[in-house]
C-alpha atoms as a PDB file:
ATOM      1  CA  MET A   1     -28.088 -54.683  64.902  1.00  0.00           C
ATOM      2  CA  ARG A   2     -24.798 -56.543  64.688  1.00  0.00           C
ATOM      3  CA  GLU A   3     -21.703 -55.178  66.361  1.00  0.00           C
ATOM      4  CA  ILE A   4     -18.034 -55.668  65.602  1.00  0.00           C
ATOM      5  CA  ASN A   5     -16.384 -58.339  67.725  1.00  0.00           C
ATOM      6  CA  SER A   6     -13.880 -56.539  69.972  1.00  0.00           C
ATOM      7  CA  GLU A   7     -11.585 -59.601  69.936  1.00  0.00           C
ATOM      8  CA  TRP A   8     -10.980 -59.461  66.174  1.00  0.00           C
ATOM      9  CA  LYS A   9      -7.439 -58.432  65.252  1.00  0.00           C
ATOM     10  CA  SER A  10      -7.476 -58.752  61.438  1.00  0.00           C
ATOM     11  CA  ASN A  11      -8.001 -55.432  59.651  1.00  0.00           C
ATOM     12  CA  SER A  12      -9.604 -57.181  56.670  1.00  0.00           C
ATOM     13  CA  ARG A  13     -12.112 -58.922  58.943  1.00  0.00           C
ATOM     14  CA  ILE A  14     -12.914 -55.689  60.789  1.00  0.00           C
ATOM     15  CA  PHE A  15     -13.274 -53.727  57.538  1.00  0.00           C
ATOM     16  CA  GLY A  16     -15.422 -56.548  56.100  1.00  0.00           C
ATOM     17  CA  GLU A  17     -17.796 -56.331  59.052  1.00  0.00           C
ATOM     18  CA  VAL A  18     -17.935 -52.525  58.877  1.00  0.00           C
ATOM     19  CA  ILE A  19     -18.718 -52.729  55.144  1.00  0.00           C
ATOM     20  CA  GLU A  20     -21.579 -55.176  55.790  1.00  0.00           C
ATOM     21  CA  LEU A  21     -23.023 -52.825  58.414  1.00  0.00           C
ATOM     22  CA  TRP A  22     -22.620 -49.875  56.009  1.00  0.00           C
ATOM     23  CA  VAL A  23     -24.372 -51.750  53.158  1.00  0.00           C
ATOM     24  CA  ALA A  24     -27.333 -52.615  55.398  1.00  0.00           C
ATOM     25  CA  LYS A  25     -27.690 -48.961  56.388  1.00  0.00           C
ATOM     26  CA  ASN A  26     -26.944 -47.239  53.059  1.00  0.00           C
ATOM     27  CA  VAL A  27     -27.668 -49.508  50.065  1.00  0.00           C
ATOM     28  CA  ASN A  28     -31.085 -50.554  48.809  1.00  0.00           C
ATOM     29  CA  CYS A  29     -31.887 -53.715  46.898  1.00  0.00           C
ATOM     30  CA  TYR A  30     -32.849 -53.146  43.254  1.00  0.00           C
ATOM     31  CA  CYS A  31     -36.486 -53.817  44.293  1.00  0.00           C
ATOM     32  CA  GLY A  32     -36.233 -50.786  46.608  1.00  0.00           C
ATOM     33  CA  GLY A  33     -36.132 -52.784  49.827  1.00  0.00           C
ATOM     34  CA  THR A  34     -33.485 -52.560  52.531  1.00  0.00           C
ATOM     35  CA  TYR A  35     -31.083 -55.287  53.619  1.00  0.00           C
ATOM     36  CA  ASP A  36     -31.228 -57.084  56.949  1.00  0.00           C
ATOM     37  CA  LEU A  37     -27.954 -58.678  58.060  1.00  0.00           C
ATOM     38  CA  PHE A  38     -27.686 -62.284  59.163  1.00  0.00           C
ATOM     39  CA  THR A  39     -25.511 -63.181  62.156  1.00  0.00           C
ATOM     40  CA  ALA A  40     -21.780 -62.980  61.444  1.00  0.00           C
ATOM     41  CA  ASN A  41     -20.242 -66.006  59.696  1.00  0.00           C
ATOM     42  CA  LYS A  42     -23.467 -67.413  58.216  1.00  0.00           C
ATOM     43  CA  LYS A  43     -22.393 -69.649  55.342  1.00  0.00           C
ATOM     44  CA  SER A  44     -22.631 -68.180  51.814  1.00  0.00           C
ATOM     45  CA  VAL A  45     -24.829 -65.164  52.557  1.00  0.00           C
ATOM     46  CA  ASP A  46     -24.558 -62.006  54.633  1.00  0.00           C
ATOM     47  CA  ALA A  47     -27.925 -60.279  54.234  1.00  0.00           C
ATOM     48  CA  ILE A  48     -31.452 -60.587  52.886  1.00  0.00           C
ATOM     49  CA  CYS A  49     -33.728 -57.983  51.347  1.00  0.00           C
ATOM     50  CA  GLY A  50     -36.647 -57.272  53.672  1.00  0.00           C
ATOM     51  CA  ARG A  51     -38.986 -56.753  50.697  1.00  0.00           C
ATOM     52  CA  CYS A  52     -38.181 -59.319  47.966  1.00  0.00           C
ATOM     53  CA  LYS A  53     -36.287 -61.785  50.230  1.00  0.00           C
ATOM     54  CA  LYS A  54     -33.294 -61.935  47.862  1.00  0.00           C
ATOM     55  CA  ASN A  55     -30.122 -63.158  49.599  1.00  0.00           C
ATOM     56  CA  LEU A  56     -26.911 -61.156  49.312  1.00  0.00           C
ATOM     57  CA  GLN A  57     -23.267 -62.056  49.787  1.00  0.00           C
ATOM     58  CA  ILE A  58     -20.967 -59.069  50.352  1.00  0.00           C
ATOM     59  CA  LYS A  59     -17.272 -59.089  49.485  1.00  0.00           C
ATOM     60  CA  SER A  60     -15.078 -56.095  50.202  1.00  0.00           C
ATOM     61  CA  MET A  61     -11.549 -55.188  49.272  1.00  0.00           C
ATOM     62  CA  SER A  62      -9.246 -52.165  49.485  1.00  0.00           C
ATOM     63  CA  LYS A  63      -8.080 -52.718  45.884  1.00  0.00           C
ATOM     64  CA  PRO A  64     -10.365 -52.031  42.911  1.00  0.00           C
ATOM     65  CA  TYR A  65     -12.149 -54.988  41.334  1.00  0.00           C
ATOM     66  CA  LYS A  66     -10.736 -55.336  37.818  1.00  0.00           C
ATOM     67  CA  PRO A  67     -10.871 -58.020  35.122  1.00  0.00           C
ATOM     68  CA  ASN A  68      -7.766 -59.823  33.880  1.00  0.00           C
ATOM     69  CA  LYS A  69      -6.531 -59.783  30.262  1.00  0.00           C
ATOM     70  CA  GLN A  70      -9.186 -62.367  29.327  1.00  0.00           C
ATOM     71  CA  ASN A  71     -11.875 -60.012  30.717  1.00  0.00           C
ATOM     72  CA  ILE A  72     -12.547 -62.320  33.686  1.00  0.00           C
ATOM     73  CA  LEU A  73     -12.949 -61.038  37.232  1.00  0.00           C
ATOM     74  CA  ARG A  74     -11.490 -63.500  39.763  1.00  0.00           C
ATOM     75  CA  ILE A  75     -12.538 -63.106  43.406  1.00  0.00           C
ATOM     76  CA  LEU A  76     -11.121 -64.946  46.381  1.00  0.00           C
ATOM     77  CA  SER A  77     -14.049 -66.719  47.993  1.00  0.00           C
ATOM     78  CA  ALA A  78     -14.802 -69.081  50.866  1.00  0.00           C
ATOM     79  CA  GLU A  79     -14.635 -72.845  51.371  1.00  0.00           C
ATOM     80  CA  TYR A  80     -14.997 -74.701  48.066  1.00  0.00           C
ATOM     81  CA  THR A  81     -17.652 -77.330  48.911  1.00  0.00           C
ATOM     82  CA  THR A  82     -19.817 -74.882  50.883  1.00  0.00           C
ATOM     83  CA  THR A  83     -19.768 -72.347  48.037  1.00  0.00           C
ATOM     84  CA  LEU A  84     -20.502 -74.992  45.416  1.00  0.00           C
ATOM     85  CA  ASN A  85     -23.354 -76.485  47.474  1.00  0.00           C
ATOM     86  CA  SER A  86     -24.946 -73.058  47.997  1.00  0.00           C
ATOM     87  CA  ILE A  87     -25.212 -72.758  44.208  1.00  0.00           C
ATOM     88  CA  LYS A  88     -26.241 -76.388  43.591  1.00  0.00           C
ATOM     89  CA  ASN A  89     -28.987 -76.101  46.217  1.00  0.00           C
ATOM     90  CA  ASN A  90     -30.438 -73.012  44.511  1.00  0.00           C
ATOM     91  CA  GLN A  91     -29.738 -70.740  47.449  1.00  0.00           C
ATOM     92  CA  ASP A  92     -30.079 -67.890  44.925  1.00  0.00           C
ATOM     93  CA  TRP A  93     -27.854 -65.051  46.120  1.00  0.00           C
ATOM     94  CA  ASP A  94     -26.549 -61.908  44.496  1.00  0.00           C
ATOM     95  CA  LEU A  95     -22.908 -60.973  45.042  1.00  0.00           C
ATOM     96  CA  MET A  96     -22.055 -57.387  46.000  1.00  0.00           C
ATOM     97  CA  LEU A  97     -18.451 -56.252  45.589  1.00  0.00           C
ATOM     98  CA  VAL A  98     -17.459 -53.202  47.618  1.00  0.00           C
ATOM     99  CA  HIS A  99     -14.166 -51.397  47.004  1.00  0.00           C
ATOM    100  CA  TYR A 100     -13.156 -49.120  49.875  1.00  0.00           C
ATOM    101  CA  SER A 101     -10.241 -46.847  50.749  1.00  0.00           C
ATOM    102  CA  LYS A 102      -8.502 -47.644  54.036  1.00  0.00           C
ATOM    103  CA  GLU A 103      -6.743 -44.289  54.004  1.00  0.00           C
ATOM    104  CA  LYS A 104      -9.779 -42.100  53.285  1.00  0.00           C
ATOM    105  CA  LEU A 105     -12.286 -44.410  55.023  1.00  0.00           C
ATOM    106  CA  VAL A 106     -14.770 -44.140  52.140  1.00  0.00           C
ATOM    107  CA  ILE A 107     -16.539 -46.470  49.743  1.00  0.00           C
ATOM    108  CA  GLU A 108     -14.981 -46.055  46.294  1.00  0.00           C
ATOM    109  CA  GLU A 109     -17.142 -48.364  44.127  1.00  0.00           C
ATOM    110  CA  ILE A 110     -19.881 -50.955  44.406  1.00  0.00           C
ATOM    111  CA  HIS A 111     -20.508 -53.679  41.827  1.00  0.00           C
ATOM    112  CA  ILE A 112     -23.154 -56.388  41.812  1.00  0.00           C
ATOM    113  CA  ILE A 113     -23.333 -59.769  40.141  1.00  0.00           C
ATOM    114  CA  LYS A 114     -26.895 -61.003  39.993  1.00  0.00           C
ATOM    115  CA  SER A 115     -27.705 -64.587  40.899  1.00  0.00           C
ATOM    116  CA  LYS A 116     -28.741 -65.404  37.311  1.00  0.00           C
ATOM    117  CA  ASN A 117     -25.031 -64.992  36.426  1.00  0.00           C
ATOM    118  CA  ILE A 118     -23.749 -67.230  39.237  1.00  0.00           C
ATOM    119  CA  ASP A 119     -23.553 -70.956  38.526  1.00  0.00           C
ATOM    120  CA  GLU A 120     -21.311 -73.949  39.282  1.00  0.00           C
ATOM    121  CA  SER A 121     -18.927 -73.059  36.449  1.00  0.00           C
ATOM    122  CA  CYS A 122     -18.005 -69.850  38.323  1.00  0.00           C
ATOM    123  CA  VAL A 123     -16.569 -71.787  41.293  1.00  0.00           C
ATOM    124  CA  ILE A 124     -12.878 -72.609  40.826  1.00  0.00           C
ATOM    125  CA  PRO A 125     -11.217 -74.811  43.488  1.00  0.00           C
ATOM    126  CA  ARG A 126      -7.949 -73.750  45.064  1.00  0.00           C
ATOM    127  CA  LYS A 127      -5.211 -76.162  46.106  1.00  0.00           C
ATOM    128  CA  PRO A 128      -5.981 -77.603  49.572  1.00  0.00           C
ATOM    129  CA  LEU A 129      -3.833 -76.354  52.433  1.00  0.00           C
ATOM    130  CA  GLY A 130      -0.753 -78.474  53.091  1.00  0.00           C
ATOM    131  CA  PRO A 131      -0.271 -80.901  55.981  1.00  0.00           C
ATOM    132  CA  ASN A 132       1.666 -78.352  58.071  1.00  0.00           C
ATOM    133  CA  ALA A 133      -0.988 -75.639  57.843  1.00  0.00           C
ATOM    134  CA  ARG A 134      -3.116 -74.810  60.876  1.00  0.00           C
ATOM    135  CA  ARG A 135      -6.207 -75.886  58.884  1.00  0.00           C
ATOM    136  CA  ALA A 136      -4.532 -78.690  56.917  1.00  0.00           C
ATOM    137  CA  GLY A 137      -6.645 -79.991  54.041  1.00  0.00           C
ATOM    138  CA  TRP A 138      -9.007 -77.011  53.987  1.00  0.00           C
ATOM    139  CA  GLN A 139      -9.843 -76.028  50.417  1.00  0.00           C
ATOM    140  CA  GLY A 140     -10.944 -72.579  49.386  1.00  0.00           C
ATOM    141  CA  CYS A 141     -12.111 -71.381  45.999  1.00  0.00           C
ATOM    142  CA  TYR A 142     -12.213 -68.485  43.587  1.00  0.00           C
ATOM    143  CA  LEU A 143     -15.280 -67.112  41.853  1.00  0.00           C
ATOM    144  CA  ASP A 144     -14.761 -66.236  38.180  1.00  0.00           C
ATOM    145  CA  PHE A 145     -17.096 -63.950  36.227  1.00  0.00           C
ATOM    146  CA  LYS A 146     -17.088 -62.492  32.748  1.00  0.00           C
ATOM    147  CA  TRP A 147     -16.616 -58.754  33.219  1.00  0.00           C
ATOM    148  CA  ASN A 148     -19.765 -57.949  31.196  1.00  0.00           C
ATOM    149  CA  LYS A 149     -21.825 -59.713  33.908  1.00  0.00           C
ATOM    150  CA  VAL A 150     -20.483 -57.362  36.603  1.00  0.00           C
ATOM    151  CA  GLU A 151     -22.735 -54.310  37.020  1.00  0.00           C
ATOM    152  CA  LYS A 152     -21.387 -51.111  38.565  1.00  0.00           C
ATOM    153  CA  ILE A 153     -24.034 -49.611  40.863  1.00  0.00           C
ATOM    154  CA  TYR A 154     -21.947 -46.926  42.593  1.00  0.00           C
END
């Protein structure tokens, strides 16, 4: 079982790790299997179903996941090329979105976007970090989804 790195200072990173541990212990895959976590910081995926072997990426946030006026859900994601390559190379992962309350320390909602609804068109590049940034040139991305492709499971 993974443990939280005692050297981490960022609340969002600590909460993210706690959420991943909680999902592995409390949420079943839609096939009925349970999730096994990969080591922390594995690229593109966080867990795998022990039964059907479906990969899972878990994103968590203290604000509710909501679509914009065009009915598109935009999620801050990871490094652009890595994310794009994981889709191009048919890594086939579902995306679980967990909304939690920092104040109450509870899970508020869980949504899932199945891999059949994740393709290259969902990956939107962000502007690379400027030359004075600590990680100059690094380029992140957003993931965009039509709200009707986002399933609420809790």
